[in-house]
Amino acid sequence: MTTTITVKAGHGWPVRVQGIDPHTSEDIPMYSGLVAAGETRDFICHSAMDLRIHEIQPDEVAAEKAATDATTAA
């Protein structure tokens, strides 16, 4: 069975969605993604997999930007 989950990042913060294999707890990249603030996106879940949905907070946005900037500068 496949379930569709609609994620609406409608309150000013992006949302990270991570597909997780329930047997290994490993990330399933093809079922993961980032929903930008103000956008809506559908994700699917099947075969007992899990989805982790995380609203990214301002301090996390700043930390990710700093890490990206450091990687780009290297």
Protein backbone atom coordinates (compact mmCIF):
# COMPACT_ATOMS: atom_id res chain seq x y z
CA MET A 1 0.00 0.00 0.00
CA THR A 2 1.22 3.52 -0.76
CA THR A 3 0.25 6.57 1.26
CA THR A 4 0.60 10.16 0.04
CA ILE A 5 1.53 12.77 2.62
CA THR A 6 1.14 16.44 1.73
CA VAL A 7 3.57 18.77 3.51
CA LYS A 8 2.68 22.46 3.48
CA ALA A 9 5.42 24.73 4.80
CA GLY A 10 3.03 27.60 5.20
CA HIS A 11 4.26 29.48 8.23
CA GLY A 12 7.59 30.93 7.15
CA TRP A 13 9.95 28.01 7.80
CA PRO A 14 11.17 25.29 5.46
CA VAL A 15 10.38 21.67 6.30
CA ARG A 16 12.77 18.74 5.87
CA VAL A 17 11.22 15.36 5.06
CA GLN A 18 13.33 12.24 5.42
CA GLY A 19 12.32 8.79 4.24
CA ILE A 20 13.63 6.16 6.66
CA ASP A 21 14.00 2.42 6.18
CA PRO A 22 12.32 0.87 9.27
CA HIS A 23 14.62 -2.17 9.23
CA THR A 24 17.98 -0.38 9.02
CA SER A 25 17.06 3.18 10.11
CA GLU A 26 18.97 4.41 7.06
CA ASP A 27 17.93 7.42 5.00
CA ILE A 28 16.11 6.71 1.73
CA PRO A 29 17.16 9.73 -0.37
CA MET A 30 14.64 9.18 -3.17
CA TYR A 31 11.82 9.66 -0.64
CA SER A 32 13.41 12.65 1.13
CA GLY A 33 13.37 16.35 0.36
CA LEU A 34 13.08 19.93 1.48
CA VAL A 35 9.87 21.93 1.23
CA ALA A 36 10.67 25.63 0.99
CA ALA A 37 8.75 28.11 3.13
CA GLY A 38 5.40 28.87 1.52
CA GLU A 39 5.41 25.79 -0.70
CA THR A 40 3.49 22.51 -0.68
CA ARG A 41 4.86 19.15 -1.78
CA ASP A 42 3.60 15.57 -1.77
CA PHE A 43 5.70 12.67 -0.49
CA ILE A 44 4.93 8.98 -0.62
CA CYS A 45 5.42 6.32 2.00
CA HIS A 46 5.16 2.57 1.38
CA SER A 47 6.31 -0.88 2.50
CA ALA A 48 6.34 0.04 6.21
CA MET A 49 8.84 2.86 5.66
CA ASP A 50 8.79 5.87 7.97
CA LEU A 51 8.85 9.59 7.25
CA ARG A 52 10.51 12.06 9.57
CA ILE A 53 9.08 15.55 9.16
CA HIS A 54 11.06 18.40 10.73
CA GLU A 55 10.23 22.11 10.67
CA ILE A 56 13.59 23.84 10.34
CA GLN A 57 14.07 26.62 12.88
CA PRO A 58 15.94 29.92 12.31
CA ASP A 59 19.09 28.79 14.17
CA GLU A 60 19.24 25.64 12.03
CA VAL A 61 18.92 27.68 8.82
CA ALA A 62 21.86 29.85 9.94
CA ALA A 63 23.96 26.81 10.88
CA GLU A 64 23.28 25.08 7.55
CA LYS A 65 24.16 28.24 5.64
CA ALA A 66 27.43 28.58 7.56
CA ALA A 67 28.31 24.93 6.86
CA THR A 68 27.50 25.34 3.16
CA ASP A 69 29.55 28.53 2.96
CA ALA A 70 32.51 26.80 4.65
CA THR A 71 32.30 23.85 2.25
CA THR A 72 32.09 26.14 -0.77
CA ALA A 73 35.09 28.18 0.39
CA ALA A 74 37.25 25.07 0.88
